[in-house]
Amino acid sequence: MTPGARVVATIVAGCALAACGASSRVIRGPDGTNWYEVECRHTADCLEEAARICPRGYEVGTSGSTLRGVYSTGYAAVPVTQHEMFLRCAPRRAEAPESTGGLVPYRPTTDPGF
């Protein structure tokens, strides 16, 4: 196998093992409202999915990362990490409460580094 073909095969295998892209599902939040669980392999994918489901912005409840395993490229061992965020969409202006309890809808401008 040529070096270029090996790189392509490694990327394809990595995506197959790590589920490239992001997925989300609606969950019931602790306050009884709809929240979203967003899972992804790359932080940018989570942020894109959050922006897609909450175009007016969102508030992150929690976020984190978990090491799911390691795969070998033939040259090095590469960690397979799963990121997840729990968030709720910012309310429409008419739905916004008088006081948000200090919480401000979050719209990422840079990679939060999780």
PDB file of N, CA and C in Angstrom:
ATOM      1  N   MET A   1       0.853  -1.178   0.000  1.00  0.00           N
ATOM      2  CA  MET A   1       0.000   0.000   0.000  1.00  0.00           C
ATOM      3  C   MET A   1       0.894   1.236   0.000  1.00  0.00           C
ATOM      4  N   THR A   2       0.571   2.206  -0.827  1.00  0.00           N
ATOM      5  CA  THR A   2       1.355   3.436  -0.895  1.00  0.00           C
ATOM      6  C   THR A   2       1.096   4.289   0.349  1.00  0.00           C
ATOM      7  N   PRO A   3       2.027   5.191   0.692  1.00  0.00           N
ATOM      8  CA  PRO A   3       1.802   6.052   1.865  1.00  0.00           C
ATOM      9  C   PRO A   3       0.515   6.874   1.767  1.00  0.00           C
ATOM     10  N   GLY A   4       0.204   7.389   0.585  1.00  0.00           N
ATOM     11  CA  GLY A   4      -1.029   8.173   0.420  1.00  0.00           C
ATOM     12  C   GLY A   4      -2.276   7.330   0.636  1.00  0.00           C
ATOM     13  N   ALA A   5      -2.260   6.105   0.107  1.00  0.00           N
ATOM     14  CA  ALA A   5      -3.403   5.204   0.294  1.00  0.00           C
ATOM     15  C   ALA A   5      -3.550   4.813   1.757  1.00  0.00           C
ATOM     16  N   ARG A   6      -2.432   4.670   2.441  1.00  0.00           N
ATOM     17  CA  ARG A   6      -2.473   4.325   3.866  1.00  0.00           C
ATOM     18  C   ARG A   6      -3.118   5.455   4.675  1.00  0.00           C
ATOM     19  N   VAL A   7      -2.794   6.698   4.347  1.00  0.00           N
ATOM     20  CA  VAL A   7      -3.391   7.842   5.047  1.00  0.00           C
ATOM     21  C   VAL A   7      -4.896   7.866   4.820  1.00  0.00           C
ATOM     22  N   VAL A   8      -5.333   7.677   3.581  1.00  0.00           N
ATOM     23  CA  VAL A   8      -6.770   7.666   3.277  1.00  0.00           C
ATOM     24  C   VAL A   8      -7.456   6.523   4.010  1.00  0.00           C
ATOM     25  N   ALA A   9      -6.862   5.351   4.004  1.00  0.00           N
ATOM     26  CA  ALA A   9      -7.441   4.201   4.702  1.00  0.00           C
ATOM     27  C   ALA A   9      -7.524   4.460   6.197  1.00  0.00           C
ATOM     28  N   THR A  10      -6.530   5.123   6.756  1.00  0.00           N
ATOM     29  CA  THR A  10      -6.534   5.449   8.184  1.00  0.00           C
ATOM     30  C   THR A  10      -7.665   6.412   8.518  1.00  0.00           C
ATOM     31  N   ILE A  11      -7.859   7.424   7.690  1.00  0.00           N
ATOM     32  CA  ILE A  11      -8.934   8.396   7.927  1.00  0.00           C
ATOM     33  C   ILE A  11     -10.294   7.712   7.836  1.00  0.00           C
ATOM     34  N   VAL A  12     -10.488   6.892   6.822  1.00  0.00           N
ATOM     35  CA  VAL A  12     -11.759   6.186   6.665  1.00  0.00           C
ATOM     36  C   VAL A  12     -12.002   5.261   7.848  1.00  0.00           C
ATOM     37  N   ALA A  13     -10.982   4.521   8.263  1.00  0.00           N
ATOM     38  CA  ALA A  13     -11.131   3.620   9.409  1.00  0.00           C
ATOM     39  C   ALA A  13     -11.406   4.403  10.687  1.00  0.00           C
ATOM     40  N   GLY A  14     -10.729   5.517  10.849  1.00  0.00           N
ATOM     41  CA  GLY A  14     -10.950   6.340  12.036  1.00  0.00           C
ATOM     42  C   GLY A  14     -12.367   6.873  12.098  1.00  0.00           C
ATOM     43  N   CYS A  15     -12.888   7.313  10.964  1.00  0.00           N
ATOM     44  CA  CYS A  15     -14.273   7.814  10.937  1.00  0.00           C
ATOM     45  C   CYS A  15     -15.259   6.687  11.211  1.00  0.00           C
ATOM     46  N   ALA A  16     -14.989   5.514  10.684  1.00  0.00           N
ATOM     47  CA  ALA A  16     -15.878   4.381  10.932  1.00  0.00           C
ATOM     48  C   ALA A  16     -15.876   4.006  12.408  1.00  0.00           C
ATOM     49  N   LEU A  17     -14.718   4.017  13.030  1.00  0.00           N
ATOM     50  CA  LEU A  17     -14.621   3.676  14.447  1.00  0.00           C
ATOM     51  C   LEU A  17     -15.176   4.772  15.336  1.00  0.00           C
ATOM     52  N   ALA A  18     -15.004   5.999  14.956  1.00  0.00           N
ATOM     53  CA  ALA A  18     -15.328   7.119  15.838  1.00  0.00           C
ATOM     54  C   ALA A  18     -16.621   7.841  15.507  1.00  0.00           C
ATOM     55  N   ALA A  19     -17.332   7.417  14.490  1.00  0.00           N
ATOM     56  CA  ALA A  19     -18.591   8.056  14.101  1.00  0.00           C
ATOM     57  C   ALA A  19     -18.389   9.550  13.859  1.00  0.00           C
ATOM     58  N   CYS A  20     -17.804   9.889  12.723  1.00  0.00           N
ATOM     59  CA  CYS A  20     -17.575  11.292  12.376  1.00  0.00           C
ATOM     60  C   CYS A  20     -18.888  12.056  12.337  1.00  0.00           C
ATOM     61  N   GLY A  21     -18.809  13.360  12.567  1.00  0.00           N
ATOM     62  CA  GLY A  21     -20.009  14.192  12.598  1.00  0.00           C
ATOM     63  C   GLY A  21     -20.545  14.280  14.019  1.00  0.00           C
ATOM     64  N   ALA A  22     -21.775  14.712  14.124  1.00  0.00           N
ATOM     65  CA  ALA A  22     -22.402  14.865  15.438  1.00  0.00           C
ATOM     66  C   ALA A  22     -23.826  14.351  15.381  1.00  0.00           C
ATOM     67  N   SER A  23     -24.326  13.954  16.526  1.00  0.00           N
ATOM     68  CA  SER A  23     -25.720  13.543  16.640  1.00  0.00           C
ATOM     69  C   SER A  23     -26.316  14.252  17.843  1.00  0.00           C
ATOM     70  N   SER A  24     -27.629  14.407  17.817  1.00  0.00           N
ATOM     71  CA  SER A  24     -28.289  15.048  18.948  1.00  0.00           C
ATOM     72  C   SER A  24     -29.633  14.384  19.178  1.00  0.00           C
ATOM     73  N   ARG A  25     -30.095  14.494  20.413  1.00  0.00           N
ATOM     74  CA  ARG A  25     -31.424  13.992  20.740  1.00  0.00           C
ATOM     75  C   ARG A  25     -32.017  14.874  21.825  1.00  0.00           C
ATOM     76  N   VAL A  26     -33.334  14.962  21.829  1.00  0.00           N
ATOM     77  CA  VAL A  26     -34.043  15.767  22.822  1.00  0.00           C
ATOM     78  C   VAL A  26     -34.153  14.956  24.107  1.00  0.00           C
ATOM     79  N   ILE A  27     -33.877  15.615  25.228  1.00  0.00           N
ATOM     80  CA  ILE A  27     -34.046  14.991  26.536  1.00  0.00           C
ATOM     81  C   ILE A  27     -34.814  15.954  27.438  1.00  0.00           C
ATOM     82  N   ARG A  28     -35.400  15.437  28.495  1.00  0.00           N
ATOM     83  CA  ARG A  28     -36.109  16.284  29.462  1.00  0.00           C
ATOM     84  C   ARG A  28     -35.078  16.819  30.436  1.00  0.00           C
ATOM     85  N   GLY A  29     -34.976  18.145  30.538  1.00  0.00           N
ATOM     86  CA  GLY A  29     -34.004  18.782  31.419  1.00  0.00           C
ATOM     87  C   GLY A  29     -34.448  18.766  32.868  1.00  0.00           C
ATOM     88  N   PRO A  30     -33.548  19.133  33.769  1.00  0.00           N
ATOM     89  CA  PRO A  30     -33.868  19.128  35.197  1.00  0.00           C
ATOM     90  C   PRO A  30     -34.984  20.106  35.568  1.00  0.00           C
ATOM     91  N   ASP A  31     -35.211  21.103  34.709  1.00  0.00           N
ATOM     92  CA  ASP A  31     -36.271  22.081  34.963  1.00  0.00           C
ATOM     93  C   ASP A  31     -37.568  21.721  34.243  1.00  0.00           C
ATOM     94  N   GLY A  32     -37.608  20.546  33.612  1.00  0.00           N
ATOM     95  CA  GLY A  32     -38.810  20.094  32.922  1.00  0.00           C
ATOM     96  C   GLY A  32     -38.920  20.550  31.479  1.00  0.00           C
ATOM     97  N   THR A  33     -37.974  21.362  30.996  1.00  0.00           N
ATOM     98  CA  THR A  33     -37.999  21.836  29.613  1.00  0.00           C
ATOM     99  C   THR A  33     -37.175  20.916  28.726  1.00  0.00           C
ATOM    100  N   ASN A  34     -37.302  21.107  27.418  1.00  0.00           N
ATOM    101  CA  ASN A  34     -36.518  20.309  26.475  1.00  0.00           C
ATOM    102  C   ASN A  34     -35.077  20.796  26.429  1.00  0.00           C
ATOM    103  N   TRP A  35     -34.160  19.884  26.604  1.00  0.00           N
ATOM    104  CA  TRP A  35     -32.728  20.108  26.446  1.00  0.00           C
ATOM    105  C   TRP A  35     -32.262  19.186  25.338  1.00  0.00           C
ATOM    106  N   TYR A  36     -31.026  19.351  24.903  1.00  0.00           N
ATOM    107  CA  TYR A  36     -30.459  18.487  23.873  1.00  0.00           C
ATOM    108  C   TYR A  36     -29.163  17.870  24.372  1.00  0.00           C
ATOM    109  N   GLU A  37     -28.986  16.605  24.029  1.00  0.00           N
ATOM    110  CA  GLU A  37     -27.713  15.939  24.243  1.00  0.00           C
ATOM    111  C   GLU A  37     -27.043  15.873  22.871  1.00  0.00           C
ATOM    112  N   VAL A  38     -25.865  16.471  22.754  1.00  0.00           N
ATOM    113  CA  VAL A  38     -25.127  16.489  21.493  1.00  0.00           C
ATOM    114  C   VAL A  38     -23.855  15.676  21.693  1.00  0.00           C
ATOM    115  N   GLU A  39     -23.620  14.693  20.821  1.00  0.00           N
ATOM    116  CA  GLU A  39     -22.416  13.866  20.887  1.00  0.00           C
ATOM    117  C   GLU A  39     -21.640  13.997  19.585  1.00  0.00           C
ATOM    118  N   CYS A  40     -20.304  14.004  19.693  1.00  0.00           N
ATOM    119  CA  CYS A  40     -19.475  14.146  18.504  1.00  0.00           C
ATOM    120  C   CYS A  40     -18.064  13.631  18.778  1.00  0.00           C
ATOM    121  N   ARG A  41     -17.290  13.505  17.728  1.00  0.00           N
ATOM    122  CA  ARG A  41     -15.888  13.114  17.848  1.00  0.00           C
ATOM    123  C   ARG A  41     -15.005  14.357  17.940  1.00  0.00           C
ATOM    124  N   HIS A  42     -15.359  15.403  17.205  1.00  0.00           N
ATOM    125  CA  HIS A  42     -14.580  16.640  17.188  1.00  0.00           C
ATOM    126  C   HIS A  42     -15.421  17.771  17.768  1.00  0.00           C
ATOM    127  N   THR A  43     -14.805  18.610  18.571  1.00  0.00           N
ATOM    128  CA  THR A  43     -15.486  19.720  19.220  1.00  0.00           C
ATOM    129  C   THR A  43     -16.229  20.589  18.213  1.00  0.00           C
ATOM    130  N   ALA A  44     -15.610  20.870  17.083  1.00  0.00           N
ATOM    131  CA  ALA A  44     -16.239  21.718  16.068  1.00  0.00           C
ATOM    132  C   ALA A  44     -17.548  21.116  15.582  1.00  0.00           C
ATOM    133  N   ASP A  45     -17.620  19.785  15.480  1.00  0.00           N
ATOM    134  CA  ASP A  45     -18.858  19.134  15.054  1.00  0.00           C
ATOM    135  C   ASP A  45     -19.967  19.348  16.077  1.00  0.00           C
ATOM    136  N   CYS A  46     -19.626  19.283  17.367  1.00  0.00           N
ATOM    137  CA  CYS A  46     -20.622  19.539  18.417  1.00  0.00           C
ATOM    138  C   CYS A  46     -21.132  20.977  18.327  1.00  0.00           C
ATOM    139  N   LEU A  47     -20.222  21.911  18.132  1.00  0.00           N
ATOM    140  CA  LEU A  47     -20.611  23.313  18.058  1.00  0.00           C
ATOM    141  C   LEU A  47     -21.482  23.590  16.832  1.00  0.00           C
ATOM    142  N   GLU A  48     -21.165  22.958  15.706  1.00  0.00           N
ATOM    143  CA  GLU A  48     -21.984  23.118  14.501  1.00  0.00           C
ATOM    144  C   GLU A  48     -23.377  22.539  14.720  1.00  0.00           C
ATOM    145  N   GLU A  49     -23.463  21.373  15.358  1.00  0.00           N
ATOM    146  CA  GLU A  49     -24.764  20.760  15.620  1.00  0.00           C
ATOM    147  C   GLU A  49     -25.578  21.625  16.581  1.00  0.00           C
ATOM    148  N   ALA A  50     -24.935  22.163  17.605  1.00  0.00           N
ATOM    149  CA  ALA A  50     -25.631  23.040  18.554  1.00  0.00           C
ATOM    150  C   ALA A  50     -26.174  24.281  17.843  1.00  0.00           C
ATOM    151  N   ALA A  51     -25.379  24.875  16.967  1.00  0.00           N
ATOM    152  CA  ALA A  51     -25.825  26.056  16.216  1.00  0.00           C
ATOM    153  C   ALA A  51     -26.949  25.700  15.247  1.00  0.00           C
ATOM    154  N   ARG A  52     -26.927  24.496  14.715  1.00  0.00           N
ATOM    155  CA  ARG A  52     -27.981  24.057  13.785  1.00  0.00           C
ATOM    156  C   ARG A  52     -29.312  23.885  14.514  1.00  0.00           C
ATOM    157  N   ILE A  53     -29.289  23.257  15.696  1.00  0.00           N
ATOM    158  CA  ILE A  53     -30.555  23.010  16.399  1.00  0.00           C
ATOM    159  C   ILE A  53     -31.028  24.221  17.197  1.00  0.00           C
ATOM    160  N   CYS A  54     -30.118  25.146  17.496  1.00  0.00           N
ATOM    161  CA  CYS A  54     -30.475  26.359  18.262  1.00  0.00           C
ATOM    162  C   CYS A  54     -29.939  27.597  17.547  1.00  0.00           C
ATOM    163  N   PRO A  55     -30.540  28.003  16.445  1.00  0.00           N
ATOM    164  CA  PRO A  55     -29.996  29.127  15.675  1.00  0.00           C
ATOM    165  C   PRO A  55     -29.999  30.470  16.414  1.00  0.00           C
ATOM    166  N   ARG A  56     -30.823  30.624  17.462  1.00  0.00           N
ATOM    167  CA  ARG A  56     -30.854  31.879  18.238  1.00  0.00           C
ATOM    168  C   ARG A  56     -29.847  31.866  19.387  1.00  0.00           C
ATOM    169  N   GLY A  57     -29.065  30.790  19.498  1.00  0.00           N
ATOM    170  CA  GLY A  57     -28.113  30.664  20.592  1.00  0.00           C
ATOM    171  C   GLY A  57     -28.569  29.609  21.587  1.00  0.00           C
ATOM    172  N   TYR A  58     -27.712  29.300  22.540  1.00  0.00           N
ATOM    173  CA  TYR A  58     -28.010  28.246  23.492  1.00  0.00           C
ATOM    174  C   TYR A  58     -27.225  28.439  24.769  1.00  0.00           C
ATOM    175  N   GLU A  59     -27.653  27.712  25.776  1.00  0.00           N
ATOM    176  CA  GLU A  59     -26.999  27.701  27.080  1.00  0.00           C
ATOM    177  C   GLU A  59     -26.476  26.290  27.307  1.00  0.00           C
ATOM    178  N   VAL A  60     -25.206  26.162  27.658  1.00  0.00           N
ATOM    179  CA  VAL A  60     -24.619  24.851  27.919  1.00  0.00           C
ATOM    180  C   VAL A  60     -24.792  24.521  29.393  1.00  0.00           C
ATOM    181  N   GLY A  61     -25.436  23.385  29.663  1.00  0.00           N
ATOM    182  CA  GLY A  61     -25.577  22.925  31.041  1.00  0.00           C
ATOM    183  C   GLY A  61     -24.298  22.266  31.500  1.00  0.00           C
ATOM    184  N   THR A  62     -23.849  21.259  30.765  1.00  0.00           N
ATOM    185  CA  THR A  62     -22.585  20.577  31.044  1.00  0.00           C
ATOM    186  C   THR A  62     -21.966  20.140  29.724  1.00  0.00           C
ATOM    187  N   SER A  63     -20.674  19.879  29.757  1.00  0.00           N
ATOM    188  CA  SER A  63     -19.991  19.330  28.598  1.00  0.00           C
ATOM    189  C   SER A  63     -18.781  18.554  29.095  1.00  0.00           C
ATOM    190  N   GLY A  64     -18.325  17.612  28.281  1.00  0.00           N
ATOM    191  CA  GLY A  64     -17.167  16.834  28.683  1.00  0.00           C
ATOM    192  C   GLY A  64     -16.702  15.917  27.573  1.00  0.00           C
ATOM    193  N   SER A  65     -15.662  15.165  27.871  1.00  0.00           N
ATOM    194  CA  SER A  65     -15.064  14.247  26.906  1.00  0.00           C
ATOM    195  C   SER A  65     -14.754  12.924  27.585  1.00  0.00           C
ATOM    196  N   THR A  66     -14.823  11.845  26.803  1.00  0.00           N
ATOM    197  CA  THR A  66     -14.518  10.514  27.300  1.00  0.00           C
ATOM    198  C   THR A  66     -13.619   9.807  26.295  1.00  0.00           C
ATOM    199  N   LEU A  67     -12.575   9.177  26.776  1.00  0.00           N
ATOM    200  CA  LEU A  67     -11.717   8.373  25.905  1.00  0.00           C
ATOM    201  C   LEU A  67     -12.426   7.057  25.640  1.00  0.00           C
ATOM    202  N   ARG A  68     -12.730   6.768  24.374  1.00  0.00           N
ATOM    203  CA  ARG A  68     -13.474   5.562  24.009  1.00  0.00           C
ATOM    204  C   ARG A  68     -12.581   4.414  23.564  1.00  0.00           C
ATOM    205  N   GLY A  69     -11.322   4.695  23.290  1.00  0.00           N
ATOM    206  CA  GLY A  69     -10.416   3.648  22.837  1.00  0.00           C
ATOM    207  C   GLY A  69      -9.258   4.241  22.058  1.00  0.00           C
ATOM    208  N   VAL A  70      -8.485   3.365  21.474  1.00  0.00           N
ATOM    209  CA  VAL A  70      -7.317   3.769  20.699  1.00  0.00           C
ATOM    210  C   VAL A  70      -7.265   2.893  19.457  1.00  0.00           C
ATOM    211  N   TYR A  71      -6.945   3.482  18.317  1.00  0.00           N
ATOM    212  CA  TYR A  71      -6.706   2.681  17.121  1.00  0.00           C
ATOM    213  C   TYR A  71      -5.329   3.008  16.568  1.00  0.00           C
ATOM    214  N   SER A  72      -4.783   2.070  15.837  1.00  0.00           N
ATOM    215  CA  SER A  72      -3.442   2.232  15.301  1.00  0.00           C
ATOM    216  C   SER A  72      -3.503   2.618  13.841  1.00  0.00           C
ATOM    217  N   THR A  73      -2.670   3.594  13.477  1.00  0.00           N
ATOM    218  CA  THR A  73      -2.586   4.020  12.082  1.00  0.00           C
ATOM    219  C   THR A  73      -1.503   3.257  11.334  1.00  0.00           C
ATOM    220  N   GLY A  74      -0.771   2.457  12.046  1.00  0.00           N
ATOM    221  CA  GLY A  74       0.395   1.811  11.456  1.00  0.00           C
ATOM    222  C   GLY A  74       1.653   2.593  11.781  1.00  0.00           C
ATOM    223  N   TYR A  75       1.483   3.865  12.126  1.00  0.00           N
ATOM    224  CA  TYR A  75       2.591   4.731  12.508  1.00  0.00           C
ATOM    225  C   TYR A  75       2.488   5.159  13.962  1.00  0.00           C
ATOM    226  N   ALA A  76       1.265   5.278  14.445  1.00  0.00           N
ATOM    227  CA  ALA A  76       1.057   5.771  15.804  1.00  0.00           C
ATOM    228  C   ALA A  76      -0.296   5.306  16.327  1.00  0.00           C
ATOM    229  N   ALA A  77      -0.441   5.330  17.635  1.00  0.00           N
ATOM    230  CA  ALA A  77      -1.727   5.041  18.266  1.00  0.00           C
ATOM    231  C   ALA A  77      -2.489   6.367  18.391  1.00  0.00           C
ATOM    232  N   VAL A  78      -3.741   6.370  17.965  1.00  0.00           N
ATOM    233  CA  VAL A  78      -4.548   7.587  17.972  1.00  0.00           C
ATOM    234  C   VAL A  78      -5.736   7.388  18.912  1.00  0.00           C
ATOM    235  N   PRO A  79      -5.913   8.300  19.874  1.00  0.00           N
ATOM    236  CA  PRO A  79      -7.052   8.145  20.790  1.00  0.00           C
ATOM    237  C   PRO A  79      -8.377   8.440  20.089  1.00  0.00           C
ATOM    238  N   VAL A  80      -9.409   7.709  20.458  1.00  0.00           N
ATOM    239  CA  VAL A  80     -10.758   7.945  19.960  1.00  0.00           C
ATOM    240  C   VAL A  80     -11.526   8.575  21.116  1.00  0.00           C
ATOM    241  N   THR A  81     -11.855   9.851  20.967  1.00  0.00           N
ATOM    242  CA  THR A  81     -12.501  10.602  22.037  1.00  0.00           C
ATOM    243  C   THR A  81     -13.930  10.944  21.639  1.00  0.00           C
ATOM    244  N   GLN A  82     -14.834  10.810  22.588  1.00  0.00           N
ATOM    245  CA  GLN A  82     -16.236  11.187  22.389  1.00  0.00           C
ATOM    246  C   GLN A  82     -16.519  12.419  23.233  1.00  0.00           C
ATOM    247  N   HIS A  83     -17.004  13.482  22.604  1.00  0.00           N
ATOM    248  CA  HIS A  83     -17.385  14.704  23.312  1.00  0.00           C
ATOM    249  C   HIS A  83     -18.900  14.728  23.434  1.00  0.00           C
ATOM    250  N   GLU A  84     -19.392  15.324  24.507  1.00  0.00           N
ATOM    251  CA  GLU A  84     -20.829  15.531  24.608  1.00  0.00           C
ATOM    252  C   GLU A  84     -21.137  16.833  25.313  1.00  0.00           C
ATOM    253  N   MET A  85     -22.250  17.410  24.912  1.00  0.00           N
ATOM    254  CA  MET A  85     -22.739  18.660  25.493  1.00  0.00           C
ATOM    255  C   MET A  85     -24.215  18.474  25.820  1.00  0.00           C
ATOM    256  N   PHE A  86     -24.639  19.051  26.930  1.00  0.00           N
ATOM    257  CA  PHE A  86     -26.059  19.121  27.251  1.00  0.00           C
ATOM    258  C   PHE A  86     -26.416  20.600  27.211  1.00  0.00           C
ATOM    259  N   LEU A  87     -27.377  20.947  26.382  1.00  0.00           N
ATOM    260  CA  LEU A  87     -27.693  22.363  26.186  1.00  0.00           C
ATOM    261  C   LEU A  87     -29.182  22.562  25.986  1.00  0.00           C
ATOM    262  N   ARG A  88     -29.598  23.798  26.169  1.00  0.00           N
ATOM    263  CA  ARG A  88     -30.967  24.175  25.829  1.00  0.00           C
ATOM    264  C   ARG A  88     -30.904  25.433  24.974  1.00  0.00           C
ATOM    265  N   CYS A  89     -31.865  25.508  24.072  1.00  0.00           N
ATOM    266  CA  CYS A  89     -31.905  26.649  23.160  1.00  0.00           C
ATOM    267  C   CYS A  89     -32.347  27.904  23.899  1.00  0.00           C
ATOM    268  N   ALA A  90     -31.834  29.039  23.448  1.00  0.00           N
ATOM    269  CA  ALA A  90     -32.254  30.330  24.001  1.00  0.00           C
ATOM    270  C   ALA A  90     -33.729  30.524  23.670  1.00  0.00           C
ATOM    271  N   PRO A  91     -34.504  31.048  24.619  1.00  0.00           N
ATOM    272  CA  PRO A  91     -35.927  31.265  24.344  1.00  0.00           C
ATOM    273  C   PRO A  91     -36.128  32.396  23.353  1.00  0.00           C
ATOM    274  N   ARG A  92     -37.294  32.372  22.700  1.00  0.00           N
ATOM    275  CA  ARG A  92     -37.650  33.510  21.855  1.00  0.00           C
ATOM    276  C   ARG A  92     -37.813  34.712  22.754  1.00  0.00           C
ATOM    277  N   ARG A  93     -37.675  35.874  22.218  1.00  0.00           N
ATOM    278  CA  ARG A  93     -37.735  37.115  23.001  1.00  0.00           C
ATOM    279  C   ARG A  93     -38.985  37.163  23.872  1.00  0.00           C
ATOM    280  N   ALA A  94     -40.136  36.800  23.329  1.00  0.00           N
ATOM    281  CA  ALA A  94     -41.394  36.864  24.079  1.00  0.00           C
ATOM    282  C   ALA A  94     -41.423  35.839  25.212  1.00  0.00           C
ATOM    283  N   GLU A  95     -40.633  34.751  25.089  1.00  0.00           N
ATOM    284  CA  GLU A  95     -40.622  33.702  26.104  1.00  0.00           C
ATOM    285  C   GLU A  95     -39.589  33.945  27.185  1.00  0.00           C
ATOM    286  N   ALA A  96     -38.696  34.900  26.979  1.00  0.00           N
ATOM    287  CA  ALA A  96     -37.607  35.115  27.925  1.00  0.00           C
ATOM    288  C   ALA A  96     -38.155  35.580  29.275  1.00  0.00           C
ATOM    289  N   PRO A  97     -37.720  34.945  30.363  1.00  0.00           N
ATOM    290  CA  PRO A  97     -38.188  35.355  31.681  1.00  0.00           C
ATOM    291  C   PRO A  97     -37.569  36.690  32.088  1.00  0.00           C
ATOM    292  N   GLU A  98     -38.189  37.352  33.061  1.00  0.00           N
ATOM    293  CA  GLU A  98     -37.671  38.628  33.573  1.00  0.00           C
ATOM    294  C   GLU A  98     -36.232  38.459  34.046  1.00  0.00           C
ATOM    295  N   SER A  99     -35.994  37.418  34.826  1.00  0.00           N
ATOM    296  CA  SER A  99     -34.657  37.156  35.344  1.00  0.00           C
ATOM    297  C   SER A  99     -34.202  35.793  34.857  1.00  0.00           C
ATOM    298  N   THR A 100     -33.009  35.714  34.363  1.00  0.00           N
ATOM    299  CA  THR A 100     -32.483  34.430  33.905  1.00  0.00           C
ATOM    300  C   THR A 100     -31.636  33.778  34.973  1.00  0.00           C
ATOM    301  N   GLY A 101     -31.622  34.327  36.175  1.00  0.00           N
ATOM    302  CA  GLY A 101     -30.831  33.723  37.237  1.00  0.00           C
ATOM    303  C   GLY A 101     -29.341  33.799  36.980  1.00  0.00           C
ATOM    304  N   GLY A 102     -28.925  34.784  36.213  1.00  0.00           N
ATOM    305  CA  GLY A 102     -27.506  34.938  35.921  1.00  0.00           C
ATOM    306  C   GLY A 102     -27.040  34.135  34.724  1.00  0.00           C
ATOM    307  N   LEU A 103     -27.929  33.339  34.115  1.00  0.00           N
ATOM    308  CA  LEU A 103     -27.537  32.531  32.968  1.00  0.00           C
ATOM    309  C   LEU A 103     -27.759  33.324  31.689  1.00  0.00           C
ATOM    310  N   VAL A 104     -26.800  33.280  30.822  1.00  0.00           N
ATOM    311  CA  VAL A 104     -26.863  33.999  29.554  1.00  0.00           C
ATOM    312  C   VAL A 104     -26.768  32.984  28.431  1.00  0.00           C
ATOM    313  N   PRO A 105     -27.642  33.040  27.421  1.00  0.00           N
ATOM    314  CA  PRO A 105     -27.508  32.109  26.303  1.00  0.00           C
ATOM    315  C   PRO A 105     -26.101  32.178  25.720  1.00  0.00           C
ATOM    316  N   TYR A 106     -25.536  31.038  25.447  1.00  0.00           N
ATOM    317  CA  TYR A 106     -24.156  30.931  25.000  1.00  0.00           C
ATOM    318  C   TYR A 106     -24.100  30.724  23.502  1.00  0.00           C
ATOM    319  N   ARG A 107     -23.312  31.515  22.829  1.00  0.00           N
ATOM    320  CA  ARG A 107     -23.058  31.354  21.398  1.00  0.00           C
ATOM    321  C   ARG A 107     -21.551  31.319  21.242  1.00  0.00           C
ATOM    322  N   PRO A 108     -20.986  30.164  20.877  1.00  0.00           N
ATOM    323  CA  PRO A 108     -19.527  30.056  20.837  1.00  0.00           C
ATOM    324  C   PRO A 108     -18.908  30.961  19.789  1.00  0.00           C
ATOM    325  N   THR A 109     -17.782  31.545  20.150  1.00  0.00           N
ATOM    326  CA  THR A 109     -17.015  32.332  19.197  1.00  0.00           C
ATOM    327  C   THR A 109     -15.657  31.688  18.958  1.00  0.00           C
ATOM    328  N   THR A 110     -15.229  30.858  19.903  1.00  0.00           N
ATOM    329  CA  THR A 110     -13.977  30.125  19.747  1.00  0.00           C
ATOM    330  C   THR A 110     -14.169  28.722  20.298  1.00  0.00           C
ATOM    331  N   ASP A 111     -13.253  27.857  20.023  1.00  0.00           N
ATOM    332  CA  ASP A 111     -13.284  26.487  20.505  1.00  0.00           C
ATOM    333  C   ASP A 111     -13.126  26.484  22.026  1.00  0.00           C
ATOM    334  N   PRO A 112     -14.094  25.916  22.789  1.00  0.00           N
ATOM    335  CA  PRO A 112     -14.000  25.930  24.243  1.00  0.00           C
ATOM    336  C   PRO A 112     -12.922  24.989  24.773  1.00  0.00           C
ATOM    337  N   GLY A 113     -12.386  24.127  23.930  1.00  0.00           N
ATOM    338  CA  GLY A 113     -11.257  23.294  24.335  1.00  0.00           C
ATOM    339  C   GLY A 113     -11.620  22.043  25.093  1.00  0.00           C
ATOM    340  N   PHE A 114     -12.863  21.566  24.994  1.00  0.00           N
ATOM    341  CA  PHE A 114     -13.156  20.307  25.689  1.00  0.00           C
ATOM    342  C   PHE A 114     -12.928  19.142  24.793  1.00  0.00           C
TER     343      PHE A 114
END
